[in-house]
Amino acid sequence: MLSRTRLLLFAILLLAAALTFWQTPLVSSQGLTVTAAYVDGDLPADDPLSALWEEAAGVEIPLSAQVIVRPIFPETRVKSMTARSLYNGESLAFLLEWEDATDNSQTVRVQDFRDGAALQFPLLEGQPFFCMGQEGGNVNIWHWKADWQADMLAVGDVETVYPNMHIDYYYGTEESDDPRTAAYTDVAYVTARAADNLFAAPLRTTPVEDLIAGGFGGLTSQGMGGQNVQGYGVWQDGRWRVIFSRALTSAEAEDASFAPDKVYSVAFAAWDGANGERNGAKSTSQWVSLQFGKAEVAAAEQPAAAKDKPQRLILGHTPLWWTVLVLTTLLIFVVIGTLIYYRLPE
């Protein structure tokens, strides 16, 4: 005989099955949406101060310390950042801005750590864990590094910090050779460079490393041939302004690709080198929605109030009408279940 207890158990199992089928998280992110504004022409991929960025509404993204795995810094310094996005039908760009009292772009000494920022995109439908993804839920990470940005202007090395350093002798060089230059041209003494390690690259074409991850400990670089994300960062008046840009689509299987008619998830991270933050010691956001503004409506024609009004997150990458239908169906089941519940014996 059906009782109230059995009905409750059946309802719980039905709800769990529905949440699993629709991949609906019990706790969603902050309800924020970054809307990529459409612009006609080239994107300001190397100009954080361009007036074009004003075409996109800035969204304040809350950040908090990563406290799951070591190293853990309970008090990271970057508490929030402002995110904007633009696209032109071919490429997509993001501008991140956050407060930072110091410019940490020199990491020659072992006690120095860089400032940095990162974007993260799921490679599959749904939202994996917002810190580095999870097994079976890989993520594509774009990691901008302040020291790589500095290297693109002038490569720093040990002599940059210690100009009076002394070098005795390197095997394979003549006495007349200047060991300070000869050593750096022989890969026998720079094995990381011989192995195409990005950290030892003599010349950089981008300050952003393109990576993938499938959980903690699974971060993997896409290597020399897979670096197709560009970036540009400027520190001025105690504030970092960093641009990420890439083509909307990519032929690489481990890259996120974007279509303007769809909604995506993006997560943010930041490091303050002056606080010793590095690797897992960072500030992170939860998943935030990323959508694209319509190309046929110029940003200047949009009402200011509508442009600045924050939008709610569309969960599960589904259209709004589908979300309303699901919620209405659940409400009907709740009402029917309640009526049946009170008619049954205890």
C-alpha atoms as a PDB file:
ATOM      1  CA  MET A   1       0.000   0.000   0.000  1.00  0.00           C
ATOM      2  CA  LEU A   2       1.285   3.452  -0.894  1.00  0.00           C
ATOM      3  CA  SER A   3       2.129   5.549   2.161  1.00  0.00           C
ATOM      4  CA  ARG A   4       3.434   9.078   2.712  1.00  0.00           C
ATOM      5  CA  THR A   5       6.951   7.792   3.396  1.00  0.00           C
ATOM      6  CA  ARG A   6       7.070   5.819   0.141  1.00  0.00           C
ATOM      7  CA  LEU A   7       5.700   8.791  -1.779  1.00  0.00           C
ATOM      8  CA  LEU A   8       8.446  11.052  -0.366  1.00  0.00           C
ATOM      9  CA  LEU A   9      11.146   8.534  -1.289  1.00  0.00           C
ATOM     10  CA  PHE A  10       9.730   8.249  -4.812  1.00  0.00           C
ATOM     11  CA  ALA A  11       9.645  12.057  -5.166  1.00  0.00           C
ATOM     12  CA  ILE A  12      13.280  12.371  -4.028  1.00  0.00           C
ATOM     13  CA  LEU A  13      14.419   9.723  -6.516  1.00  0.00           C
ATOM     14  CA  LEU A  14      12.448  11.411  -9.304  1.00  0.00           C
ATOM     15  CA  LEU A  15      14.003  14.798  -8.494  1.00  0.00           C
ATOM     16  CA  ALA A  16      17.516  13.312  -8.428  1.00  0.00           C
ATOM     17  CA  ALA A  17      16.947  11.660 -11.811  1.00  0.00           C
ATOM     18  CA  ALA A  18      15.681  14.931 -13.293  1.00  0.00           C
ATOM     19  CA  LEU A  19      18.650  16.928 -11.982  1.00  0.00           C
ATOM     20  CA  THR A  20      21.043  14.325 -13.374  1.00  0.00           C
ATOM     21  CA  PHE A  21      19.319  14.251 -16.767  1.00  0.00           C
ATOM     22  CA  TRP A  22      19.345  18.050 -17.158  1.00  0.00           C
ATOM     23  CA  GLN A  23      22.801  18.416 -15.509  1.00  0.00           C
ATOM     24  CA  THR A  24      21.394  21.060 -13.200  1.00  0.00           C
ATOM     25  CA  PRO A  25      23.727  22.154 -10.349  1.00  0.00           C
ATOM     26  CA  LEU A  26      22.113  22.429  -6.911  1.00  0.00           C
ATOM     27  CA  VAL A  27      24.119  25.583  -6.308  1.00  0.00           C
ATOM     28  CA  SER A  28      24.546  27.923  -9.253  1.00  0.00           C
ATOM     29  CA  SER A  29      27.051  30.752  -9.674  1.00  0.00           C
ATOM     30  CA  GLN A  30      26.433  34.349  -8.733  1.00  0.00           C
ATOM     31  CA  GLY A  31      23.827  34.931 -11.436  1.00  0.00           C
ATOM     32  CA  LEU A  32      26.162  37.107 -13.491  1.00  0.00           C
ATOM     33  CA  THR A  33      26.346  37.336 -17.257  1.00  0.00           C
ATOM     34  CA  VAL A  34      29.181  38.766 -19.338  1.00  0.00           C
ATOM     35  CA  THR A  35      27.757  39.907 -22.672  1.00  0.00           C
ATOM     36  CA  ALA A  36      30.183  40.189 -25.580  1.00  0.00           C
ATOM     37  CA  ALA A  37      29.221  43.362 -27.448  1.00  0.00           C
ATOM     38  CA  TYR A  38      29.422  43.308 -31.237  1.00  0.00           C
ATOM     39  CA  VAL A  39      31.726  45.821 -32.922  1.00  0.00           C
ATOM     40  CA  ASP A  40      32.274  46.342 -36.618  1.00  0.00           C
ATOM     41  CA  GLY A  41      35.958  46.186 -37.508  1.00  0.00           C
ATOM     42  CA  ASP A  42      39.126  45.211 -35.694  1.00  0.00           C
ATOM     43  CA  LEU A  43      39.069  44.477 -31.976  1.00  0.00           C
ATOM     44  CA  PRO A  44      41.342  46.541 -29.656  1.00  0.00           C
ATOM     45  CA  ALA A  45      43.454  43.462 -28.917  1.00  0.00           C
ATOM     46  CA  ASP A  46      46.464  45.466 -27.693  1.00  0.00           C
ATOM     47  CA  ASP A  47      44.818  48.620 -26.349  1.00  0.00           C
ATOM     48  CA  PRO A  48      43.195  48.294 -22.904  1.00  0.00           C
ATOM     49  CA  LEU A  49      42.365  52.020 -22.933  1.00  0.00           C
ATOM     50  CA  SER A  50      40.523  51.966 -26.272  1.00  0.00           C
ATOM     51  CA  ALA A  51      37.117  53.678 -26.273  1.00  0.00           C
ATOM     52  CA  LEU A  52      35.694  50.563 -27.944  1.00  0.00           C
ATOM     53  CA  TRP A  53      35.733  48.778 -24.595  1.00  0.00           C
ATOM     54  CA  GLU A  54      33.026  51.168 -23.416  1.00  0.00           C
ATOM     55  CA  GLU A  55      30.696  49.470 -25.904  1.00  0.00           C
ATOM     56  CA  ALA A  56      30.612  46.482 -23.544  1.00  0.00           C
ATOM     57  CA  ALA A  57      29.018  46.620 -20.112  1.00  0.00           C
ATOM     58  CA  GLY A  58      31.521  45.951 -17.330  1.00  0.00           C
ATOM     59  CA  VAL A  59      30.561  43.130 -14.955  1.00  0.00           C
ATOM     60  CA  GLU A  60      32.013  42.985 -11.438  1.00  0.00           C
ATOM     61  CA  ILE A  61      33.157  39.392 -10.816  1.00  0.00           C
ATOM     62  CA  PRO A  62      33.556  38.366  -7.138  1.00  0.00           C
ATOM     63  CA  LEU A  63      36.652  36.271  -6.391  1.00  0.00           C
ATOM     64  CA  SER A  64      37.612  34.194  -3.373  1.00  0.00           C
ATOM     65  CA  ALA A  65      40.607  32.114  -2.330  1.00  0.00           C
ATOM     66  CA  GLN A  66      41.017  28.565  -3.610  1.00  0.00           C
ATOM     67  CA  VAL A  67      40.883  26.440  -0.430  1.00  0.00           C
ATOM     68  CA  ILE A  68      40.554  22.886  -1.776  1.00  0.00           C
ATOM     69  CA  VAL A  69      44.152  21.797  -2.401  1.00  0.00           C
ATOM     70  CA  ARG A  70      47.579  23.021  -1.346  1.00  0.00           C
ATOM     71  CA  PRO A  71      49.079  25.548  -1.578  1.00  0.00           C
ATOM     72  CA  ILE A  72      46.221  27.308   0.216  1.00  0.00           C
ATOM     73  CA  PHE A  73      46.226  31.031   0.939  1.00  0.00           C
ATOM     74  CA  PRO A  74      43.051  31.775   2.941  1.00  0.00           C
ATOM     75  CA  GLU A  75      43.548  35.507   2.324  1.00  0.00           C
ATOM     76  CA  THR A  76      44.326  36.164  -1.305  1.00  0.00           C
ATOM     77  CA  ARG A  77      44.388  39.824  -2.285  1.00  0.00           C
ATOM     78  CA  VAL A  78      42.340  40.054  -5.468  1.00  0.00           C
ATOM     79  CA  LYS A  79      38.741  40.167  -4.242  1.00  0.00           C
ATOM     80  CA  SER A  80      37.070  41.097  -7.521  1.00  0.00           C
ATOM     81  CA  MET A  81      37.697  42.085 -11.119  1.00  0.00           C
ATOM     82  CA  THR A  82      35.750  43.840 -13.840  1.00  0.00           C
ATOM     83  CA  ALA A  83      35.187  41.861 -17.034  1.00  0.00           C
ATOM     84  CA  ARG A  84      34.177  43.129 -20.484  1.00  0.00           C
ATOM     85  CA  SER A  85      34.004  41.335 -23.808  1.00  0.00           C
ATOM     86  CA  LEU A  86      33.857  42.278 -27.499  1.00  0.00           C
ATOM     87  CA  TYR A  87      33.522  40.279 -30.715  1.00  0.00           C
ATOM     88  CA  ASN A  88      33.375  41.125 -34.405  1.00  0.00           C
ATOM     89  CA  GLY A  89      32.106  37.919 -35.973  1.00  0.00           C
ATOM     90  CA  GLU A  90      35.591  36.461 -36.375  1.00  0.00           C
ATOM     91  CA  SER A  91      37.393  37.024 -33.068  1.00  0.00           C
ATOM     92  CA  LEU A  92      36.531  37.328 -29.380  1.00  0.00           C
ATOM     93  CA  ALA A  93      38.310  39.508 -26.817  1.00  0.00           C
ATOM     94  CA  PHE A  94      38.073  40.002 -23.058  1.00  0.00           C
ATOM     95  CA  LEU A  95      39.299  42.896 -20.935  1.00  0.00           C
ATOM     96  CA  LEU A  96      39.917  42.160 -17.248  1.00  0.00           C
ATOM     97  CA  GLU A  97      40.652  44.937 -14.749  1.00  0.00           C
ATOM     98  CA  TRP A  98      41.559  44.637 -11.076  1.00  0.00           C
ATOM     99  CA  GLU A  99      43.298  46.562  -8.323  1.00  0.00           C
ATOM    100  CA  ASP A 100      46.924  45.653  -7.550  1.00  0.00           C
ATOM    101  CA  ALA A 101      49.245  47.935  -5.615  1.00  0.00           C
ATOM    102  CA  THR A 102      52.423  46.523  -7.204  1.00  0.00           C
ATOM    103  CA  ASP A 103      53.606  45.452 -10.641  1.00  0.00           C
ATOM    104  CA  ASN A 104      55.117  41.980 -10.205  1.00  0.00           C
ATOM    105  CA  SER A 105      56.459  41.080 -13.626  1.00  0.00           C
ATOM    106  CA  GLN A 106      59.964  39.887 -12.722  1.00  0.00           C
ATOM    107  CA  THR A 107      60.472  36.252 -11.670  1.00  0.00           C
ATOM    108  CA  VAL A 108      64.218  35.754 -12.078  1.00  0.00           C
ATOM    109  CA  ARG A 109      64.765  35.212  -8.352  1.00  0.00           C
ATOM    110  CA  VAL A 110      63.247  32.142  -6.715  1.00  0.00           C
ATOM    111  CA  GLN A 111      61.579  34.340  -4.091  1.00  0.00           C
ATOM    112  CA  ASP A 112      59.694  36.393  -6.694  1.00  0.00           C
ATOM    113  CA  PHE A 113      56.269  35.519  -8.083  1.00  0.00           C
ATOM    114  CA  ARG A 114      54.335  36.957 -10.997  1.00  0.00           C
ATOM    115  CA  ASP A 115      50.989  38.683 -11.208  1.00  0.00           C
ATOM    116  CA  GLY A 116      48.582  36.814 -13.443  1.00  0.00           C
ATOM    117  CA  ALA A 117      45.036  36.250 -14.599  1.00  0.00           C
ATOM    118  CA  ALA A 118      43.193  33.432 -16.320  1.00  0.00           C
ATOM    119  CA  LEU A 119      39.991  32.542 -18.127  1.00  0.00           C
ATOM    120  CA  GLN A 120      38.527  29.041 -18.082  1.00  0.00           C
ATOM    121  CA  PHE A 121      35.971  27.458 -20.436  1.00  0.00           C
ATOM    122  CA  PRO A 122      34.351  23.988 -20.290  1.00  0.00           C
ATOM    123  CA  LEU A 123      35.101  21.757 -23.268  1.00  0.00           C
ATOM    124  CA  LEU A 124      31.886  19.752 -22.860  1.00  0.00           C
ATOM    125  CA  GLU A 125      28.248  20.589 -22.137  1.00  0.00           C
ATOM    126  CA  GLY A 126      27.458  21.424 -18.540  1.00  0.00           C
ATOM    127  CA  GLN A 127      29.619  22.911 -15.828  1.00  0.00           C
ATOM    128  CA  PRO A 128      32.441  20.848 -14.306  1.00  0.00           C
ATOM    129  CA  PHE A 129      34.138  21.930 -11.092  1.00  0.00           C
ATOM    130  CA  PHE A 130      35.016  25.610 -11.439  1.00  0.00           C
ATOM    131  CA  CYS A 131      38.596  25.074 -10.184  1.00  0.00           C
ATOM    132  CA  MET A 132      40.469  23.264 -12.968  1.00  0.00           C
ATOM    133  CA  GLY A 133      37.550  21.107 -14.093  1.00  0.00           C
ATOM    134  CA  GLN A 134      37.314  17.441 -13.173  1.00  0.00           C
ATOM    135  CA  GLU A 135      37.855  13.949 -14.566  1.00  0.00           C
ATOM    136  CA  GLY A 136      35.623  13.633 -17.599  1.00  0.00           C
ATOM    137  CA  GLY A 137      35.031  17.375 -17.604  1.00  0.00           C
ATOM    138  CA  ASN A 138      38.076  19.020 -19.172  1.00  0.00           C
ATOM    139  CA  VAL A 139      38.470  22.780 -19.341  1.00  0.00           C
ATOM    140  CA  ASN A 140      40.427  25.102 -21.632  1.00  0.00           C
ATOM    141  CA  ILE A 141      42.456  27.685 -19.689  1.00  0.00           C
ATOM    142  CA  TRP A 142      43.958  30.933 -20.995  1.00  0.00           C
ATOM    143  CA  HIS A 143      46.645  32.058 -18.530  1.00  0.00           C
ATOM    144  CA  TRP A 144      48.120  35.547 -18.888  1.00  0.00           C
ATOM    145  CA  LYS A 145      51.469  36.018 -17.089  1.00  0.00           C
ATOM    146  CA  ALA A 146      52.959  39.387 -16.211  1.00  0.00           C
ATOM    147  CA  ASP A 147      56.547  38.144 -16.558  1.00  0.00           C
ATOM    148  CA  TRP A 148      55.855  36.804 -20.049  1.00  0.00           C
ATOM    149  CA  GLN A 149      54.405  40.195 -20.917  1.00  0.00           C
ATOM    150  CA  ALA A 150      57.617  41.857 -19.677  1.00  0.00           C
ATOM    151  CA  ASP A 151      59.748  39.385 -21.660  1.00  0.00           C
ATOM    152  CA  MET A 152      58.091  40.521 -24.875  1.00  0.00           C
ATOM    153  CA  LEU A 153      59.537  43.993 -24.282  1.00  0.00           C
ATOM    154  CA  ALA A 154      62.939  42.967 -22.902  1.00  0.00           C
ATOM    155  CA  VAL A 155      63.907  39.456 -21.861  1.00  0.00           C
ATOM    156  CA  GLY A 156      64.975  39.396 -18.230  1.00  0.00           C
ATOM    157  CA  ASP A 157      67.538  36.968 -16.899  1.00  0.00           C
ATOM    158  CA  VAL A 158      69.797  36.551 -13.888  1.00  0.00           C
ATOM    159  CA  GLU A 159      71.961  39.445 -15.022  1.00  0.00           C
ATOM    160  CA  THR A 160      68.901  41.703 -14.949  1.00  0.00           C
ATOM    161  CA  VAL A 161      68.690  41.332 -11.180  1.00  0.00           C
ATOM    162  CA  TYR A 162      72.389  40.665 -10.487  1.00  0.00           C
ATOM    163  CA  PRO A 163      74.340  42.795 -13.014  1.00  0.00           C
ATOM    164  CA  ASN A 164      77.677  42.062 -11.290  1.00  0.00           C
ATOM    165  CA  MET A 165      77.339  38.279 -11.351  1.00  0.00           C
ATOM    166  CA  HIS A 166      80.479  36.309 -12.184  1.00  0.00           C
ATOM    167  CA  ILE A 167      80.729  33.340 -14.538  1.00  0.00           C
ATOM    168  CA  ASP A 168      83.850  31.173 -14.407  1.00  0.00           C
ATOM    169  CA  TYR A 169      83.796  28.961 -17.464  1.00  0.00           C
ATOM    170  CA  TYR A 170      81.471  26.905 -19.648  1.00  0.00           C
ATOM    171  CA  TYR A 171      82.742  23.726 -21.272  1.00  0.00           C
ATOM    172  CA  GLY A 172      82.700  23.913 -25.048  1.00  0.00           C
ATOM    173  CA  THR A 173      83.536  27.606 -25.227  1.00  0.00           C
ATOM    174  CA  GLU A 174      86.796  29.264 -26.096  1.00  0.00           C
ATOM    175  CA  GLU A 175      88.591  31.527 -23.663  1.00  0.00           C
ATOM    176  CA  SER A 176      87.941  34.440 -25.994  1.00  0.00           C
ATOM    177  CA  ASP A 177      84.180  33.829 -25.940  1.00  0.00           C
ATOM    178  CA  ASP A 178      81.989  35.865 -23.688  1.00  0.00           C
ATOM    179  CA  PRO A 179      80.367  33.117 -21.579  1.00  0.00           C
ATOM    180  CA  ARG A 180      77.431  35.377 -20.766  1.00  0.00           C
ATOM    181  CA  THR A 181      76.304  35.175 -24.390  1.00  0.00           C
ATOM    182  CA  ALA A 182      77.881  31.930 -25.598  1.00  0.00           C
ATOM    183  CA  ALA A 183      76.171  29.900 -22.890  1.00  0.00           C
ATOM    184  CA  TYR A 184      72.724  31.038 -23.892  1.00  0.00           C
ATOM    185  CA  THR A 185      73.155  30.024 -27.530  1.00  0.00           C
ATOM    186  CA  ASP A 186      74.162  26.447 -26.755  1.00  0.00           C
ATOM    187  CA  VAL A 187      71.106  24.358 -25.862  1.00  0.00           C
ATOM    188  CA  ALA A 188      73.407  21.891 -24.107  1.00  0.00           C
ATOM    189  CA  TYR A 189      73.315  24.319 -21.196  1.00  0.00           C
ATOM    190  CA  VAL A 190      69.609  25.164 -21.574  1.00  0.00           C
ATOM    191  CA  THR A 191      67.938  21.762 -21.726  1.00  0.00           C
ATOM    192  CA  ALA A 192      64.454  23.177 -21.163  1.00  0.00           C
ATOM    193  CA  ARG A 193      64.830  25.205 -24.341  1.00  0.00           C
ATOM    194  CA  ALA A 194      65.980  22.107 -26.216  1.00  0.00           C
ATOM    195  CA  ALA A 195      62.799  20.354 -25.023  1.00  0.00           C
ATOM    196  CA  ASP A 196      60.607  23.222 -26.321  1.00  0.00           C
ATOM    197  CA  ASN A 197      59.555  24.157 -22.802  1.00  0.00           C
ATOM    198  CA  LEU A 198      57.543  27.379 -23.094  1.00  0.00           C
ATOM    199  CA  PHE A 199      59.092  28.760 -19.930  1.00  0.00           C
ATOM    200  CA  ALA A 200      62.537  28.673 -21.554  1.00  0.00           C
ATOM    201  CA  ALA A 201      61.497  30.094 -24.923  1.00  0.00           C
ATOM    202  CA  PRO A 202      64.040  32.736 -26.041  1.00  0.00           C
ATOM    203  CA  LEU A 203      61.369  34.778 -27.846  1.00  0.00           C
ATOM    204  CA  ARG A 204      57.717  35.076 -26.949  1.00  0.00           C
ATOM    205  CA  THR A 205      54.892  35.762 -29.362  1.00  0.00           C
ATOM    206  CA  THR A 206      52.197  35.959 -26.680  1.00  0.00           C
ATOM    207  CA  PRO A 207      52.050  36.476 -22.898  1.00  0.00           C
ATOM    208  CA  VAL A 208      49.168  33.974 -22.661  1.00  0.00           C
ATOM    209  CA  GLU A 209      49.641  30.234 -22.249  1.00  0.00           C
ATOM    210  CA  ASP A 210      46.918  28.028 -23.720  1.00  0.00           C
ATOM    211  CA  LEU A 211      46.336  25.000 -21.469  1.00  0.00           C
ATOM    212  CA  ILE A 212      43.893  22.223 -20.676  1.00  0.00           C
ATOM    213  CA  ALA A 213      43.010  20.627 -17.341  1.00  0.00           C
ATOM    214  CA  GLY A 214      40.838  17.803 -16.097  1.00  0.00           C
ATOM    215  CA  GLY A 215      41.064  18.320 -12.365  1.00  0.00           C
ATOM    216  CA  PHE A 216      43.743  19.250  -9.845  1.00  0.00           C
ATOM    217  CA  GLY A 217      47.168  17.986 -10.891  1.00  0.00           C
ATOM    218  CA  GLY A 218      46.124  17.596 -14.511  1.00  0.00           C
ATOM    219  CA  LEU A 219      47.124  20.993 -15.908  1.00  0.00           C
ATOM    220  CA  THR A 220      48.788  20.489 -19.303  1.00  0.00           C
ATOM    221  CA  SER A 221      50.227  23.020 -21.729  1.00  0.00           C
ATOM    222  CA  GLN A 222      49.201  22.752 -25.365  1.00  0.00           C
ATOM    223  CA  GLY A 223      52.848  23.142 -26.347  1.00  0.00           C
ATOM    224  CA  MET A 224      54.664  25.364 -28.785  1.00  0.00           C
ATOM    225  CA  GLY A 225      52.346  24.608 -31.695  1.00  0.00           C
ATOM    226  CA  GLY A 226      49.107  25.080 -29.780  1.00  0.00           C
ATOM    227  CA  GLN A 227      49.469  28.648 -28.552  1.00  0.00           C
ATOM    228  CA  ASN A 228      46.807  30.600 -30.428  1.00  0.00           C
ATOM    229  CA  VAL A 229      45.587  32.985 -27.709  1.00  0.00           C
ATOM    230  CA  GLN A 230      46.964  36.518 -27.786  1.00  0.00           C
ATOM    231  CA  GLY A 231      47.139  38.907 -24.866  1.00  0.00           C
ATOM    232  CA  TYR A 232      48.289  42.278 -23.715  1.00  0.00           C
ATOM    233  CA  GLY A 233      48.513  43.698 -20.206  1.00  0.00           C
ATOM    234  CA  VAL A 234      49.237  47.142 -18.781  1.00  0.00           C
ATOM    235  CA  TRP A 235      49.805  48.066 -15.138  1.00  0.00           C
ATOM    236  CA  GLN A 236      49.044  51.717 -14.421  1.00  0.00           C
ATOM    237  CA  ASP A 237      48.077  53.647 -11.280  1.00  0.00           C
ATOM    238  CA  GLY A 238      47.733  50.524  -9.151  1.00  0.00           C
ATOM    239  CA  ARG A 239      45.511  48.693 -11.611  1.00  0.00           C
ATOM    240  CA  TRP A 240      46.034  45.878 -14.097  1.00  0.00           C
ATOM    241  CA  ARG A 241      44.212  45.962 -17.429  1.00  0.00           C
ATOM    242  CA  VAL A 242      44.670  42.715 -19.342  1.00  0.00           C
ATOM    243  CA  ILE A 243      43.305  41.676 -22.745  1.00  0.00           C
ATOM    244  CA  PHE A 244      42.770  38.118 -24.006  1.00  0.00           C
ATOM    245  CA  SER A 245      41.869  37.558 -27.665  1.00  0.00           C
ATOM    246  CA  ARG A 246      41.433  34.612 -30.006  1.00  0.00           C
ATOM    247  CA  ALA A 247      39.475  33.547 -33.074  1.00  0.00           C
ATOM    248  CA  LEU A 248      35.929  32.456 -32.266  1.00  0.00           C
ATOM    249  CA  THR A 249      36.572  28.970 -33.607  1.00  0.00           C
ATOM    250  CA  SER A 250      39.585  26.693 -33.437  1.00  0.00           C
ATOM    251  CA  ALA A 251      40.451  23.491 -35.258  1.00  0.00           C
ATOM    252  CA  GLU A 252      42.234  22.152 -32.175  1.00  0.00           C
ATOM    253  CA  ALA A 253      40.216  19.574 -30.241  1.00  0.00           C
ATOM    254  CA  GLU A 254      41.418  20.867 -26.878  1.00  0.00           C
ATOM    255  CA  ASP A 255      40.343  24.459 -27.576  1.00  0.00           C
ATOM    256  CA  ALA A 256      37.007  25.994 -26.690  1.00  0.00           C
ATOM    257  CA  SER A 257      35.084  27.299 -29.707  1.00  0.00           C
ATOM    258  CA  PHE A 258      32.289  29.854 -29.691  1.00  0.00           C
ATOM    259  CA  ALA A 259      29.139  30.512 -31.726  1.00  0.00           C
ATOM    260  CA  PRO A 260      27.348  33.846 -31.203  1.00  0.00           C
ATOM    261  CA  ASP A 261      23.920  32.171 -30.980  1.00  0.00           C
ATOM    262  CA  LYS A 262      24.847  30.061 -27.946  1.00  0.00           C
ATOM    263  CA  VAL A 263      25.447  30.663 -24.244  1.00  0.00           C
ATOM    264  CA  TYR A 264      28.650  29.510 -22.541  1.00  0.00           C
ATOM    265  CA  SER A 265      30.236  29.376 -19.112  1.00  0.00           C
ATOM    266  CA  VAL A 266      33.444  31.139 -18.125  1.00  0.00           C
ATOM    267  CA  ALA A 267      35.364  31.304 -14.852  1.00  0.00           C
ATOM    268  CA  PHE A 268      38.032  33.791 -13.800  1.00  0.00           C
ATOM    269  CA  ALA A 269      41.191  33.642 -11.679  1.00  0.00           C
ATOM    270  CA  ALA A 270      43.885  36.077 -10.527  1.00  0.00           C
ATOM    271  CA  TRP A 271      47.247  35.934  -8.766  1.00  0.00           C
ATOM    272  CA  ASP A 272      49.019  38.667  -6.779  1.00  0.00           C
ATOM    273  CA  GLY A 273      52.730  37.904  -6.901  1.00  0.00           C
ATOM    274  CA  ALA A 274      53.549  40.351  -4.107  1.00  0.00           C
ATOM    275  CA  ASN A 275      51.504  38.133  -1.778  1.00  0.00           C
ATOM    276  CA  GLY A 276      53.428  35.043  -2.831  1.00  0.00           C
ATOM    277  CA  GLU A 277      50.469  33.702  -4.787  1.00  0.00           C
ATOM    278  CA  ARG A 278      51.307  31.059  -7.397  1.00  0.00           C
ATOM    279  CA  ASN A 279      49.955  27.799  -8.784  1.00  0.00           C
ATOM    280  CA  GLY A 280      46.876  26.853  -6.740  1.00  0.00           C
ATOM    281  CA  ALA A 281      47.262  29.806  -4.375  1.00  0.00           C
ATOM    282  CA  LYS A 282      44.944  32.140  -6.259  1.00  0.00           C
ATOM    283  CA  SER A 283      41.622  33.940  -6.279  1.00  0.00           C
ATOM    284  CA  THR A 284      38.883  32.284  -8.334  1.00  0.00           C
ATOM    285  CA  SER A 285      35.314  32.941  -9.368  1.00  0.00           C
ATOM    286  CA  GLN A 286      32.486  30.484  -9.813  1.00  0.00           C
ATOM    287  CA  TRP A 287      31.015  29.883 -13.246  1.00  0.00           C
ATOM    288  CA  VAL A 288      29.650  32.985 -14.952  1.00  0.00           C
ATOM    289  CA  SER A 289      27.473  33.034 -18.066  1.00  0.00           C
ATOM    290  CA  LEU A 290      28.934  34.287 -21.360  1.00  0.00           C
ATOM    291  CA  GLN A 291      26.583  35.342 -24.139  1.00  0.00           C
ATOM    292  CA  PHE A 292      26.881  37.374 -27.330  1.00  0.00           C
ATOM    293  CA  GLY A 293      25.072  40.583 -28.172  1.00  0.00           C
ATOM    294  CA  LYS A 294      23.221  40.712 -31.470  1.00  0.00           C
ATOM    295  CA  ALA A 295      25.282  41.916 -34.410  1.00  0.00           C
ATOM    296  CA  GLU A 296      22.438  43.822 -36.037  1.00  0.00           C
ATOM    297  CA  VAL A 297      21.944  46.134 -33.047  1.00  0.00           C
ATOM    298  CA  ALA A 298      24.767  48.597 -32.524  1.00  0.00           C
ATOM    299  CA  ALA A 299      25.774  49.111 -28.898  1.00  0.00           C
ATOM    300  CA  ALA A 300      25.320  52.870 -29.231  1.00  0.00           C
ATOM    301  CA  GLU A 301      21.638  52.357 -30.113  1.00  0.00           C
ATOM    302  CA  GLN A 302      20.880  50.411 -26.950  1.00  0.00           C
ATOM    303  CA  PRO A 303      19.252  52.301 -24.071  1.00  0.00           C
ATOM    304  CA  ALA A 304      21.819  53.082 -21.382  1.00  0.00           C
ATOM    305  CA  ALA A 305      19.647  51.580 -18.656  1.00  0.00           C
ATOM    306  CA  ALA A 306      19.331  48.281 -20.517  1.00  0.00           C
ATOM    307  CA  LYS A 307      23.068  48.250 -21.289  1.00  0.00           C
ATOM    308  CA  ASP A 308      24.081  48.650 -17.646  1.00  0.00           C
ATOM    309  CA  LYS A 309      21.391  46.423 -16.122  1.00  0.00           C
ATOM    310  CA  PRO A 310      22.877  43.131 -14.829  1.00  0.00           C
ATOM    311  CA  GLN A 311      21.406  40.009 -16.373  1.00  0.00           C
ATOM    312  CA  ARG A 312      20.639  36.695 -14.742  1.00  0.00           C
ATOM    313  CA  LEU A 313      22.549  33.539 -15.541  1.00  0.00           C
ATOM    314  CA  ILE A 314      20.938  31.126 -17.980  1.00  0.00           C
ATOM    315  CA  LEU A 315      21.564  27.771 -16.338  1.00  0.00           C
ATOM    316  CA  GLY A 316      22.563  24.632 -18.188  1.00  0.00           C
ATOM    317  CA  HIS A 317      23.136  26.343 -21.533  1.00  0.00           C
ATOM    318  CA  THR A 318      19.392  26.013 -22.344  1.00  0.00           C
ATOM    319  CA  PRO A 319      16.987  28.524 -23.897  1.00  0.00           C
ATOM    320  CA  LEU A 320      14.819  30.540 -21.527  1.00  0.00           C
ATOM    321  CA  TRP A 321      11.589  28.965 -22.813  1.00  0.00           C
ATOM    322  CA  TRP A 322      12.907  25.501 -21.968  1.00  0.00           C
ATOM    323  CA  THR A 323      13.834  26.562 -18.438  1.00  0.00           C
ATOM    324  CA  VAL A 324      10.325  28.016 -17.917  1.00  0.00           C
ATOM    325  CA  LEU A 325       8.748  24.806 -19.245  1.00  0.00           C
ATOM    326  CA  VAL A 326      10.803  22.634 -16.901  1.00  0.00           C
ATOM    327  CA  LEU A 327      10.032  24.798 -13.864  1.00  0.00           C
ATOM    328  CA  THR A 328       6.305  24.858 -14.711  1.00  0.00           C
ATOM    329  CA  THR A 329       6.242  21.073 -15.056  1.00  0.00           C
ATOM    330  CA  LEU A 330       8.003  20.657 -11.717  1.00  0.00           C
ATOM    331  CA  LEU A 331       5.519  23.025 -10.077  1.00  0.00           C
ATOM    332  CA  ILE A 332       2.587  20.982 -11.396  1.00  0.00           C
ATOM    333  CA  PHE A 333       4.138  17.790 -10.036  1.00  0.00           C
ATOM    334  CA  VAL A 334       4.685  19.453  -6.655  1.00  0.00           C
ATOM    335  CA  VAL A 335       1.034  20.537  -6.441  1.00  0.00           C
ATOM    336  CA  ILE A 336      -0.258  17.102  -7.483  1.00  0.00           C
ATOM    337  CA  GLY A 337       2.158  15.372  -5.132  1.00  0.00           C
ATOM    338  CA  THR A 338       1.084  17.565  -2.219  1.00  0.00           C
ATOM    339  CA  LEU A 339      -2.602  16.760  -2.812  1.00  0.00           C
ATOM    340  CA  ILE A 340      -1.854  13.041  -2.979  1.00  0.00           C
ATOM    341  CA  TYR A 341       0.408  13.252   0.083  1.00  0.00           C
ATOM    342  CA  TYR A 342      -2.316  14.527   2.395  1.00  0.00           C
ATOM    343  CA  ARG A 343      -4.808  11.931   1.142  1.00  0.00           C
ATOM    344  CA  LEU A 344      -2.521   9.031   1.996  1.00  0.00           C
ATOM    345  CA  PRO A 345      -2.257   7.321   5.391  1.00  0.00           C
ATOM    346  CA  GLU A 346       0.842   8.002   7.470  1.00  0.00           C
END
